[in-house]
Full PDB file with SEQRES, HELIX, SHEET, SSBOND, CRYST1, ORIGX, SCALE, CONECT and MASTER records, all heavy atoms in Angstrom:
SEQRES   1 A   43  THR LEU PRO PRO PRO PRO ALA ALA PRO THR ALA ASP PRO          
SEQRES   2 A   43  THR PRO VAL ASP GLY LEU THR VAL VAL HIS SER ASP ASP          
SEQRES   3 A   43  HIS ILE ILE VAL LEU ASP LYS PRO VAL GLY VAL ALA ALA          
SEQRES   4 A   43  HIS PRO SER PRO                                              
SHEET    1 AA1 2 THR A  20  SER A  24  0                                        
SHEET    2 AA1 2 ILE A  29  ASP A  32 -1                                        
CRYST1    1.000    1.000    1.000  90.00  90.00  90.00 P 1           1          
ORIGX1      1.000000  0.000000  0.000000        0.00000                         
ORIGX2      0.000000  1.000000  0.000000        0.00000                         
ORIGX3      0.000000  0.000000  1.000000        0.00000                         
SCALE1      1.000000  0.000000  0.000000        0.00000                         
SCALE2      0.000000  1.000000  0.000000        0.00000                         
SCALE3      0.000000  0.000000  1.000000        0.00000                         
ATOM      1  N   THR A   1     -99.690 -68.851 240.836  1.00  0.00           N  
ATOM      2  CA  THR A   1     -99.658 -68.082 239.518  1.00  0.00           C  
ATOM      3  C   THR A   1     -98.722 -68.937 238.597  1.00  0.00           C  
ATOM      4  O   THR A   1     -97.581 -68.887 239.000  1.00  0.00           O  
ATOM      5  CB  THR A   1     -99.287 -66.647 239.751  1.00  0.00           C  
ATOM      6  OG1 THR A   1    -100.226 -65.971 240.585  1.00  0.00           O  
ATOM      7  CG2 THR A   1     -99.279 -65.967 238.353  1.00  0.00           C  
ATOM      8  N   LEU A   2     -99.235 -69.494 237.757  1.00  0.00           N  
ATOM      9  CA  LEU A   2     -98.369 -70.484 236.847  1.00  0.00           C  
ATOM     10  C   LEU A   2     -97.704 -69.467 235.773  1.00  0.00           C  
ATOM     11  O   LEU A   2     -98.292 -68.573 235.264  1.00  0.00           O  
ATOM     12  CB  LEU A   2     -99.307 -71.466 236.095  1.00  0.00           C  
ATOM     13  CG  LEU A   2     -99.931 -72.449 236.899  1.00  0.00           C  
ATOM     14  CD1 LEU A   2    -100.949 -73.331 236.270  1.00  0.00           C  
ATOM     15  CD2 LEU A   2     -98.952 -73.321 237.631  1.00  0.00           C  
ATOM     16  N   PRO A   3     -96.561 -69.877 235.357  1.00  0.00           N  
ATOM     17  CA  PRO A   3     -95.852 -69.129 234.368  1.00  0.00           C  
ATOM     18  C   PRO A   3     -96.402 -69.353 232.992  1.00  0.00           C  
ATOM     19  O   PRO A   3     -96.998 -70.336 232.751  1.00  0.00           O  
ATOM     20  CB  PRO A   3     -94.433 -69.656 234.391  1.00  0.00           C  
ATOM     21  CG  PRO A   3     -94.503 -70.950 234.873  1.00  0.00           C  
ATOM     22  CD  PRO A   3     -95.759 -71.032 235.825  1.00  0.00           C  
ATOM     23  N   PRO A   4     -96.374 -68.293 232.113  1.00  0.00           N  
ATOM     24  CA  PRO A   4     -96.905 -68.633 230.807  1.00  0.00           C  
ATOM     25  C   PRO A   4     -96.031 -69.749 230.149  1.00  0.00           C  
ATOM     26  O   PRO A   4     -94.862 -69.895 230.292  1.00  0.00           O  
ATOM     27  CB  PRO A   4     -96.737 -67.305 230.045  1.00  0.00           C  
ATOM     28  CG  PRO A   4     -95.654 -66.614 230.772  1.00  0.00           C  
ATOM     29  CD  PRO A   4     -95.740 -67.110 232.231  1.00  0.00           C  
ATOM     30  N   PRO A   5     -96.838 -70.652 229.314  1.00  0.00           N  
ATOM     31  CA  PRO A   5     -96.097 -71.672 228.711  1.00  0.00           C  
ATOM     32  C   PRO A   5     -95.079 -71.150 227.723  1.00  0.00           C  
ATOM     33  O   PRO A   5     -95.198 -70.089 227.054  1.00  0.00           O  
ATOM     34  CB  PRO A   5     -97.171 -72.484 227.861  1.00  0.00           C  
ATOM     35  CG  PRO A   5     -98.246 -71.531 227.615  1.00  0.00           C  
ATOM     36  CD  PRO A   5     -98.208 -70.578 228.878  1.00  0.00           C  
ATOM     37  N   PRO A   6     -93.920 -71.738 227.546  1.00  0.00           N  
ATOM     38  CA  PRO A   6     -92.861 -71.389 226.578  1.00  0.00           C  
ATOM     39  C   PRO A   6     -93.318 -71.476 225.250  1.00  0.00           C  
ATOM     40  O   PRO A   6     -94.131 -72.364 224.912  1.00  0.00           O  
ATOM     41  CB  PRO A   6     -91.636 -72.258 226.995  1.00  0.00           C  
ATOM     42  CG  PRO A   6     -92.316 -73.554 227.562  1.00  0.00           C  
ATOM     43  CD  PRO A   6     -93.449 -73.091 228.243  1.00  0.00           C  
ATOM     44  N   ALA A   7     -92.836 -70.725 224.480  1.00  0.00           N  
ATOM     45  CA  ALA A   7     -93.287 -70.738 222.978  1.00  0.00           C  
ATOM     46  C   ALA A   7     -92.700 -72.145 222.374  1.00  0.00           C  
ATOM     47  O   ALA A   7     -91.605 -72.480 222.634  1.00  0.00           O  
ATOM     48  CB  ALA A   7     -92.612 -69.645 222.291  1.00  0.00           C  
ATOM     49  N   ALA A   8     -93.640 -72.822 221.745  1.00  0.00           N  
ATOM     50  CA  ALA A   8     -93.326 -74.102 221.170  1.00  0.00           C  
ATOM     51  C   ALA A   8     -92.468 -73.931 220.004  1.00  0.00           C  
ATOM     52  O   ALA A   8     -92.653 -73.132 219.070  1.00  0.00           O  
ATOM     53  CB  ALA A   8     -94.602 -74.759 220.688  1.00  0.00           C  
ATOM     54  N   PRO A   9     -91.244 -74.577 220.056  1.00  0.00           N  
ATOM     55  CA  PRO A   9     -90.356 -74.699 218.915  1.00  0.00           C  
ATOM     56  C   PRO A   9     -91.028 -75.290 217.715  1.00  0.00           C  
ATOM     57  O   PRO A   9     -91.916 -76.095 217.704  1.00  0.00           O  
ATOM     58  CB  PRO A   9     -89.168 -75.404 219.381  1.00  0.00           C  
ATOM     59  CG  PRO A   9     -89.761 -76.330 220.407  1.00  0.00           C  
ATOM     60  CD  PRO A   9     -90.830 -75.637 221.118  1.00  0.00           C  
ATOM     61  N   THR A  10     -90.573 -74.981 216.453  1.00  0.00           N  
ATOM     62  CA  THR A  10     -91.045 -75.416 215.315  1.00  0.00           C  
ATOM     63  C   THR A  10     -90.012 -76.161 214.509  1.00  0.00           C  
ATOM     64  O   THR A  10     -88.845 -76.012 214.823  1.00  0.00           O  
ATOM     65  CB  THR A  10     -91.720 -74.396 214.395  1.00  0.00           C  
ATOM     66  OG1 THR A  10     -90.624 -73.410 214.078  1.00  0.00           O  
ATOM     67  CG2 THR A  10     -92.891 -73.655 214.991  1.00  0.00           C  
ATOM     68  N   ALA A  11     -90.401 -77.204 213.718  1.00  0.00           N  
ATOM     69  CA  ALA A  11     -89.520 -78.092 213.150  1.00  0.00           C  
ATOM     70  C   ALA A  11     -89.060 -77.276 211.809  1.00  0.00           C  
ATOM     71  O   ALA A  11     -89.824 -76.996 210.994  1.00  0.00           O  
ATOM     72  CB  ALA A  11     -90.154 -79.470 212.798  1.00  0.00           C  
ATOM     73  N   ASP A  12     -87.806 -77.278 211.642  1.00  0.00           N  
ATOM     74  CA  ASP A  12     -87.139 -76.687 210.388  1.00  0.00           C  
ATOM     75  C   ASP A  12     -86.505 -77.873 209.654  1.00  0.00           C  
ATOM     76  O   ASP A  12     -85.995 -78.824 210.167  1.00  0.00           O  
ATOM     77  CB  ASP A  12     -85.937 -75.779 210.659  1.00  0.00           C  
ATOM     78  CG  ASP A  12     -86.501 -74.487 211.414  1.00  0.00           C  
ATOM     79  OD1 ASP A  12     -87.641 -74.063 211.031  1.00  0.00           O  
ATOM     80  OD2 ASP A  12     -85.789 -73.993 212.385  1.00  0.00           O  
ATOM     81  N   PRO A  13     -86.683 -77.777 208.249  1.00  0.00           N  
ATOM     82  CA  PRO A  13     -86.121 -78.834 207.472  1.00  0.00           C  
ATOM     83  C   PRO A  13     -84.578 -79.017 207.627  1.00  0.00           C  
ATOM     84  O   PRO A  13     -83.872 -78.051 207.243  1.00  0.00           O  
ATOM     85  CB  PRO A  13     -86.397 -78.456 206.007  1.00  0.00           C  
ATOM     86  CG  PRO A  13     -87.471 -77.522 206.125  1.00  0.00           C  
ATOM     87  CD  PRO A  13     -87.323 -76.781 207.545  1.00  0.00           C  
ATOM     88  N   THR A  14     -84.173 -80.068 208.330  1.00  0.00           N  
ATOM     89  CA  THR A  14     -82.744 -80.217 208.665  1.00  0.00           C  
ATOM     90  C   THR A  14     -82.383 -81.711 208.307  1.00  0.00           C  
ATOM     91  O   THR A  14     -83.026 -82.609 208.986  1.00  0.00           O  
ATOM     92  CB  THR A  14     -82.416 -79.795 210.078  1.00  0.00           C  
ATOM     93  OG1 THR A  14     -82.918 -78.585 210.307  1.00  0.00           O  
ATOM     94  CG2 THR A  14     -80.973 -79.955 210.297  1.00  0.00           C  
ATOM     95  N   PRO A  15     -81.420 -81.921 207.450  1.00  0.00           N  
ATOM     96  CA  PRO A  15     -81.097 -83.448 207.136  1.00  0.00           C  
ATOM     97  C   PRO A  15     -80.544 -84.024 208.509  1.00  0.00           C  
ATOM     98  O   PRO A  15     -80.001 -83.448 209.327  1.00  0.00           O  
ATOM     99  CB  PRO A  15     -79.994 -83.199 206.089  1.00  0.00           C  
ATOM    100  CG  PRO A  15     -80.225 -81.787 205.514  1.00  0.00           C  
ATOM    101  CD  PRO A  15     -80.800 -81.005 206.614  1.00  0.00           C  
ATOM    102  N   VAL A  16     -80.980 -85.286 208.463  1.00  0.00           N  
ATOM    103  CA  VAL A  16     -80.612 -86.173 209.625  1.00  0.00           C  
ATOM    104  C   VAL A  16     -79.840 -87.439 209.161  1.00  0.00           C  
ATOM    105  O   VAL A  16     -80.357 -88.240 208.456  1.00  0.00           O  
ATOM    106  CB  VAL A  16     -81.770 -86.597 210.441  1.00  0.00           C  
ATOM    107  CG1 VAL A  16     -81.349 -87.453 211.640  1.00  0.00           C  
ATOM    108  CG2 VAL A  16     -82.583 -85.427 210.968  1.00  0.00           C  
ATOM    109  N   ASP A  17     -78.528 -87.449 209.572  1.00  0.00           N  
ATOM    110  CA  ASP A  17     -77.700 -88.567 209.238  1.00  0.00           C  
ATOM    111  C   ASP A  17     -78.335 -89.869 209.797  1.00  0.00           C  
ATOM    112  O   ASP A  17     -78.568 -89.987 210.884  1.00  0.00           O  
ATOM    113  CB  ASP A  17     -76.302 -88.480 209.805  1.00  0.00           C  
ATOM    114  CG  ASP A  17     -75.519 -87.236 209.082  1.00  0.00           C  
ATOM    115  OD1 ASP A  17     -75.916 -86.928 207.865  1.00  0.00           O  
ATOM    116  OD2 ASP A  17     -74.561 -86.716 209.637  1.00  0.00           O  
ATOM    117  N   GLY A  18     -78.462 -90.919 208.908  1.00  0.00           N  
ATOM    118  CA  GLY A  18     -78.887 -92.174 209.410  1.00  0.00           C  
ATOM    119  C   GLY A  18     -80.370 -92.402 209.432  1.00  0.00           C  
ATOM    120  O   GLY A  18     -80.870 -93.489 209.690  1.00  0.00           O  
ATOM    121  N   LEU A  19     -81.123 -91.260 209.308  1.00  0.00           N  
ATOM    122  CA  LEU A  19     -82.559 -91.455 209.148  1.00  0.00           C  
ATOM    123  C   LEU A  19     -82.946 -92.012 207.765  1.00  0.00           C  
ATOM    124  O   LEU A  19     -82.771 -91.396 206.810  1.00  0.00           O  
ATOM    125  CB  LEU A  19     -83.312 -90.121 209.383  1.00  0.00           C  
ATOM    126  CG  LEU A  19     -84.782 -90.141 209.466  1.00  0.00           C  
ATOM    127  CD1 LEU A  19     -85.313 -90.803 210.664  1.00  0.00           C  
ATOM    128  CD2 LEU A  19     -85.319 -88.662 209.481  1.00  0.00           C  
ATOM    129  N   THR A  20     -83.550 -93.283 207.830  1.00  0.00           N  
ATOM    130  CA  THR A  20     -83.809 -93.932 206.610  1.00  0.00           C  
ATOM    131  C   THR A  20     -85.328 -94.185 206.451  1.00  0.00           C  
ATOM    132  O   THR A  20     -86.081 -94.404 207.363  1.00  0.00           O  
ATOM    133  CB  THR A  20     -83.014 -95.272 206.458  1.00  0.00           C  
ATOM    134  OG1 THR A  20     -83.489 -96.042 207.511  1.00  0.00           O  
ATOM    135  CG2 THR A  20     -81.585 -94.926 206.478  1.00  0.00           C  
ATOM    136  N   VAL A  21     -85.661 -94.137 205.101  1.00  0.00           N  
ATOM    137  CA  VAL A  21     -87.294 -94.371 204.923  1.00  0.00           C  
ATOM    138  C   VAL A  21     -87.444 -95.869 204.596  1.00  0.00           C  
ATOM    139  O   VAL A  21     -86.806 -96.370 203.672  1.00  0.00           O  
ATOM    140  CB  VAL A  21     -87.496 -93.494 203.720  1.00  0.00           C  
ATOM    141  CG1 VAL A  21     -89.027 -93.951 203.337  1.00  0.00           C  
ATOM    142  CG2 VAL A  21     -87.509 -92.050 203.902  1.00  0.00           C  
ATOM    143  N   VAL A  22     -88.308 -96.443 205.407  1.00  0.00           N  
ATOM    144  CA  VAL A  22     -88.643 -97.787 205.209  1.00  0.00           C  
ATOM    145  C   VAL A  22     -89.764 -97.934 204.232  1.00  0.00           C  
ATOM    146  O   VAL A  22     -89.841 -98.891 203.383  1.00  0.00           O  
ATOM    147  CB  VAL A  22     -89.017 -98.571 206.561  1.00  0.00           C  
ATOM    148  CG1 VAL A  22     -89.443 -99.971 206.320  1.00  0.00           C  
ATOM    149  CG2 VAL A  22     -87.817 -98.424 207.384  1.00  0.00           C  
ATOM    150  N   HIS A  23     -90.756 -97.032 204.283  1.00  0.00           N  
ATOM    151  CA  HIS A  23     -91.955 -97.065 203.300  1.00  0.00           C  
ATOM    152  C   HIS A  23     -92.525 -95.672 203.321  1.00  0.00           C  
ATOM    153  O   HIS A  23     -92.524 -94.802 204.286  1.00  0.00           O  
ATOM    154  CB  HIS A  23     -93.053 -98.103 203.898  1.00  0.00           C  
ATOM    155  CG  HIS A  23     -94.342 -97.839 203.260  1.00  0.00           C  
ATOM    156  ND1 HIS A  23     -94.800 -98.616 202.120  1.00  0.00           N  
ATOM    157  CD2 HIS A  23     -95.460 -97.056 203.510  1.00  0.00           C  
ATOM    158  CE1 HIS A  23     -95.851 -98.190 201.645  1.00  0.00           C  
ATOM    159  NE2 HIS A  23     -96.367 -97.377 202.580  1.00  0.00           N  
ATOM    160  N   SER A  24     -93.015 -95.265 202.122  1.00  0.00           N  
ATOM    161  CA  SER A  24     -93.582 -93.975 202.014  1.00  0.00           C  
ATOM    162  C   SER A  24     -94.721 -93.983 200.923  1.00  0.00           C  
ATOM    163  O   SER A  24     -94.616 -94.676 199.866  1.00  0.00           O  
ATOM    164  CB  SER A  24     -92.529 -92.884 201.574  1.00  0.00           C  
ATOM    165  OG  SER A  24     -93.134 -91.708 201.461  1.00  0.00           O  
ATOM    166  N   ASP A  25     -95.840 -93.408 201.226  1.00  0.00           N  
ATOM    167  CA  ASP A  25     -96.932 -93.332 200.257  1.00  0.00           C  
ATOM    168  C   ASP A  25     -97.587 -91.949 200.560  1.00  0.00           C  
ATOM    169  O   ASP A  25     -97.007 -91.020 201.226  1.00  0.00           O  
ATOM    170  CB  ASP A  25     -97.996 -94.404 200.248  1.00  0.00           C  
ATOM    171  CG  ASP A  25     -98.461 -94.644 201.679  1.00  0.00           C  
ATOM    172  OD1 ASP A  25     -98.925 -93.601 202.309  1.00  0.00           O  
ATOM    173  OD2 ASP A  25     -98.683 -95.780 202.112  1.00  0.00           O  
ATOM    174  N   ASP A  26     -98.812 -91.655 199.967  1.00  0.00           N  
ATOM    175  CA  ASP A  26     -99.435 -90.355 200.113  1.00  0.00           C  
ATOM    176  C   ASP A  26     -99.856 -90.054 201.580  1.00  0.00           C  
ATOM    177  O   ASP A  26    -100.265 -88.952 201.952  1.00  0.00           O  
ATOM    178  CB  ASP A  26    -100.608 -90.259 199.176  1.00  0.00           C  
ATOM    179  CG  ASP A  26    -100.167 -90.187 197.664  1.00  0.00           C  
ATOM    180  OD1 ASP A  26     -99.032 -89.864 197.504  1.00  0.00           O  
ATOM    181  OD2 ASP A  26    -100.893 -90.536 196.809  1.00  0.00           O  
ATOM    182  N   HIS A  27     -99.982 -91.072 202.428  1.00  0.00           N  
ATOM    183  CA  HIS A  27    -100.629 -90.957 203.699  1.00  0.00           C  
ATOM    184  C   HIS A  27     -99.685 -91.077 204.870  1.00  0.00           C  
ATOM    185  O   HIS A  27     -99.895 -90.432 205.875  1.00  0.00           O  
ATOM    186  CB  HIS A  27    -101.829 -91.805 203.818  1.00  0.00           C  
ATOM    187  CG  HIS A  27    -102.873 -91.677 202.905  1.00  0.00           C  
ATOM    188  ND1 HIS A  27    -103.889 -90.759 203.124  1.00  0.00           N  
ATOM    189  CD2 HIS A  27    -103.065 -92.129 201.587  1.00  0.00           C  
ATOM    190  CE1 HIS A  27    -104.644 -90.735 202.057  1.00  0.00           C  
ATOM    191  NE2 HIS A  27    -104.256 -91.606 201.266  1.00  0.00           N  
ATOM    192  N   ILE A  28     -98.594 -91.923 204.686  1.00  0.00           N  
ATOM    193  CA  ILE A  28     -97.754 -92.197 205.789  1.00  0.00           C  
ATOM    194  C   ILE A  28     -96.377 -92.301 205.307  1.00  0.00           C  
ATOM    195  O   ILE A  28     -96.072 -92.487 204.164  1.00  0.00           O  
ATOM    196  CB  ILE A  28     -98.077 -93.494 206.501  1.00  0.00           C  
ATOM    197  CG1 ILE A  28     -97.932 -94.687 205.557  1.00  0.00           C  
ATOM    198  CG2 ILE A  28     -99.456 -93.432 207.220  1.00  0.00           C  
ATOM    199  CD1 ILE A  28     -98.113 -96.182 206.239  1.00  0.00           C  
ATOM    200  N   ILE A  29     -95.403 -92.186 206.177  1.00  0.00           N  
ATOM    201  CA  ILE A  29     -93.998 -92.479 205.953  1.00  0.00           C  
ATOM    202  C   ILE A  29     -93.495 -93.116 207.197  1.00  0.00           C  
ATOM    203  O   ILE A  29     -93.616 -92.754 208.308  1.00  0.00           O  
ATOM    204  CB  ILE A  29     -93.140 -91.228 205.650  1.00  0.00           C  
ATOM    205  CG1 ILE A  29     -91.665 -91.485 205.444  1.00  0.00           C  
ATOM    206  CG2 ILE A  29     -93.213 -90.095 206.901  1.00  0.00           C  
ATOM    207  CD1 ILE A  29     -90.856 -90.398 204.809  1.00  0.00           C  
ATOM    208  N   VAL A  30     -92.825 -94.309 206.902  1.00  0.00           N  
ATOM    209  CA  VAL A  30     -92.267 -95.121 208.005  1.00  0.00           C  
ATOM    210  C   VAL A  30     -90.832 -95.065 207.917  1.00  0.00           C  
ATOM    211  O   VAL A  30     -90.199 -95.298 206.951  1.00  0.00           O  
ATOM    212  CB  VAL A  30     -92.732 -96.685 207.759  1.00  0.00           C  
ATOM    213  CG1 VAL A  30     -92.162 -97.469 208.968  1.00  0.00           C  
ATOM    214  CG2 VAL A  30     -94.199 -96.785 207.927  1.00  0.00           C  
ATOM    215  N   LEU A  31     -90.251 -94.777 209.244  1.00  0.00           N  
ATOM    216  CA  LEU A  31     -88.795 -94.430 209.169  1.00  0.00           C  
ATOM    217  C   LEU A  31     -88.114 -95.268 210.114  1.00  0.00           C  
ATOM    218  O   LEU A  31     -88.609 -95.786 211.124  1.00  0.00           O  
ATOM    219  CB  LEU A  31     -88.678 -93.029 209.582  1.00  0.00           C  
ATOM    220  CG  LEU A  31     -89.310 -91.941 208.813  1.00  0.00           C  
ATOM    221  CD1 LEU A  31     -90.008 -90.898 209.694  1.00  0.00           C  
ATOM    222  CD2 LEU A  31     -88.385 -91.308 207.892  1.00  0.00           C  
ATOM    223  N   ASP A  32     -86.746 -95.518 209.959  1.00  0.00           N  
ATOM    224  CA  ASP A  32     -85.904 -96.154 210.858  1.00  0.00           C  
ATOM    225  C   ASP A  32     -85.056 -95.051 211.515  1.00  0.00           C  
ATOM    226  O   ASP A  32     -84.242 -94.381 210.874  1.00  0.00           O  
ATOM    227  CB  ASP A  32     -84.972 -97.094 210.210  1.00  0.00           C  
ATOM    228  CG  ASP A  32     -84.149 -98.081 211.037  1.00  0.00           C  
ATOM    229  OD1 ASP A  32     -84.078 -97.694 212.253  1.00  0.00           O  
ATOM    230  OD2 ASP A  32     -83.837 -99.234 210.695  1.00  0.00           O  
ATOM    231  N   LYS A  33     -85.390 -94.707 212.806  1.00  0.00           N  
ATOM    232  CA  LYS A  33     -84.758 -93.627 213.524  1.00  0.00           C  
ATOM    233  C   LYS A  33     -83.408 -93.989 214.064  1.00  0.00           C  
ATOM    234  O   LYS A  33     -83.316 -95.004 214.812  1.00  0.00           O  
ATOM    235  CB  LYS A  33     -85.763 -93.161 214.657  1.00  0.00           C  
ATOM    236  CG  LYS A  33     -85.159 -91.934 215.418  1.00  0.00           C  
ATOM    237  CD  LYS A  33     -85.975 -91.488 216.572  1.00  0.00           C  
ATOM    238  CE  LYS A  33     -85.691 -92.337 217.705  1.00  0.00           C  
ATOM    239  NZ  LYS A  33     -84.335 -91.886 218.291  1.00  0.00           N  
ATOM    240  N   PRO A  34     -82.409 -93.253 213.804  1.00  0.00           N  
ATOM    241  CA  PRO A  34     -81.009 -93.480 214.404  1.00  0.00           C  
ATOM    242  C   PRO A  34     -81.091 -92.926 215.891  1.00  0.00           C  
ATOM    243  O   PRO A  34     -81.925 -92.240 216.311  1.00  0.00           O  
ATOM    244  CB  PRO A  34     -80.073 -92.788 213.541  1.00  0.00           C  
ATOM    245  CG  PRO A  34     -80.905 -91.682 212.973  1.00  0.00           C  
ATOM    246  CD  PRO A  34     -82.262 -92.132 212.966  1.00  0.00           C  
ATOM    247  N   VAL A  35     -79.935 -93.406 216.532  1.00  0.00           N  
ATOM    248  CA  VAL A  35     -79.772 -92.877 217.970  1.00  0.00           C  
ATOM    249  C   VAL A  35     -79.382 -91.316 217.936  1.00  0.00           C  
ATOM    250  O   VAL A  35     -78.930 -90.807 216.948  1.00  0.00           O  
ATOM    251  CB  VAL A  35     -78.679 -93.680 218.608  1.00  0.00           C  
ATOM    252  CG1 VAL A  35     -77.303 -93.325 217.947  1.00  0.00           C  
ATOM    253  CG2 VAL A  35     -78.558 -93.410 220.130  1.00  0.00           C  
ATOM    254  N   GLY A  36     -79.832 -90.781 219.001  1.00  0.00           N  
ATOM    255  CA  GLY A  36     -79.532 -89.204 219.259  1.00  0.00           C  
ATOM    256  C   GLY A  36     -80.435 -88.377 218.476  1.00  0.00           C  
ATOM    257  O   GLY A  36     -80.108 -87.103 218.262  1.00  0.00           O  
ATOM    258  N   VAL A  37     -81.616 -88.762 218.091  1.00  0.00           N  
ATOM    259  CA  VAL A  37     -82.651 -88.039 217.302  1.00  0.00           C  
ATOM    260  C   VAL A  37     -83.901 -88.056 218.041  1.00  0.00           C  
ATOM    261  O   VAL A  37     -84.344 -89.066 218.396  1.00  0.00           O  
ATOM    262  CB  VAL A  37     -82.788 -88.633 215.909  1.00  0.00           C  
ATOM    263  CG1 VAL A  37     -83.796 -87.746 215.163  1.00  0.00           C  
ATOM    264  CG2 VAL A  37     -81.423 -88.660 215.137  1.00  0.00           C  
ATOM    265  N   ALA A  38     -84.455 -86.811 218.405  1.00  0.00           N  
ATOM    266  CA  ALA A  38     -85.785 -86.719 219.086  1.00  0.00           C  
ATOM    267  C   ALA A  38     -86.814 -86.837 217.835  1.00  0.00           C  
ATOM    268  O   ALA A  38     -86.637 -86.619 216.705  1.00  0.00           O  
ATOM    269  CB  ALA A  38     -85.875 -85.471 219.700  1.00  0.00           C  
ATOM    270  N   ALA A  39     -88.055 -87.182 218.398  1.00  0.00           N  
ATOM    271  CA  ALA A  39     -89.082 -87.331 217.404  1.00  0.00           C  
ATOM    272  C   ALA A  39     -89.622 -86.016 216.862  1.00  0.00           C  
ATOM    273  O   ALA A  39     -89.947 -85.877 215.694  1.00  0.00           O  
ATOM    274  CB  ALA A  39     -90.374 -87.934 218.054  1.00  0.00           C  
ATOM    275  N   HIS A  40     -89.479 -84.986 217.781  1.00  0.00           N  
ATOM    276  CA  HIS A  40     -89.885 -83.561 217.422  1.00  0.00           C  
ATOM    277  C   HIS A  40     -89.290 -82.617 218.167  1.00  0.00           C  
ATOM    278  O   HIS A  40     -88.659 -82.825 219.177  1.00  0.00           O  
ATOM    279  CB  HIS A  40     -91.543 -83.410 217.473  1.00  0.00           C  
ATOM    280  CG  HIS A  40     -92.082 -83.776 218.863  1.00  0.00           C  
ATOM    281  ND1 HIS A  40     -91.843 -82.889 219.761  1.00  0.00           N  
ATOM    282  CD2 HIS A  40     -92.602 -84.845 219.291  1.00  0.00           C  
ATOM    283  CE1 HIS A  40     -92.348 -83.486 221.044  1.00  0.00           C  
ATOM    284  NE2 HIS A  40     -92.849 -84.667 220.713  1.00  0.00           N  
ATOM    285  N   PRO A  41     -89.241 -81.334 217.796  1.00  0.00           N  
ATOM    286  CA  PRO A  41     -88.666 -80.214 218.567  1.00  0.00           C  
ATOM    287  C   PRO A  41     -89.395 -80.163 220.005  1.00  0.00           C  
ATOM    288  O   PRO A  41     -90.515 -80.389 220.107  1.00  0.00           O  
ATOM    289  CB  PRO A  41     -88.970 -78.908 217.781  1.00  0.00           C  
ATOM    290  CG  PRO A  41     -89.259 -79.400 216.391  1.00  0.00           C  
ATOM    291  CD  PRO A  41     -89.887 -80.695 216.548  1.00  0.00           C  
ATOM    292  N   SER A  42     -88.629 -79.673 220.980  1.00  0.00           N  
ATOM    293  CA  SER A  42     -89.174 -79.516 222.228  1.00  0.00           C  
ATOM    294  C   SER A  42     -88.309 -78.529 223.076  1.00  0.00           C  
ATOM    295  O   SER A  42     -87.052 -78.283 222.636  1.00  0.00           O  
ATOM    296  CB  SER A  42     -89.221 -80.800 223.042  1.00  0.00           C  
ATOM    297  OG  SER A  42     -87.951 -81.389 223.260  1.00  0.00           O  
ATOM    298  N   PRO A  43     -88.768 -77.817 223.985  1.00  0.00           N  
ATOM    299  CA  PRO A  43     -87.965 -76.760 224.750  1.00  0.00           C  
ATOM    300  C   PRO A  43     -86.725 -77.406 225.327  1.00  0.00           C  
ATOM    301  O   PRO A  43     -86.722 -78.501 225.963  1.00  0.00           O  
ATOM    302  CB  PRO A  43     -88.957 -76.317 225.845  1.00  0.00           C  
ATOM    303  CG  PRO A  43     -90.324 -76.506 225.303  1.00  0.00           C  
ATOM    304  CD  PRO A  43     -90.121 -77.872 224.463  1.00  0.00           C  
TER     305      PRO A  43                                                      
MASTER        0    0    0    0    2    0    0    6  304    1    0    4          
END                                                                             
């Protein structure tokens, strides 16, 4: 009997020091990710 999956966390707008935009247009944004930053929320 498998446990129910945990509720997925959602991303809240939170400024990230050192996260810089390399390119942005209507379809994509290319970023330079600093250390200590995850790609997305997770349990």
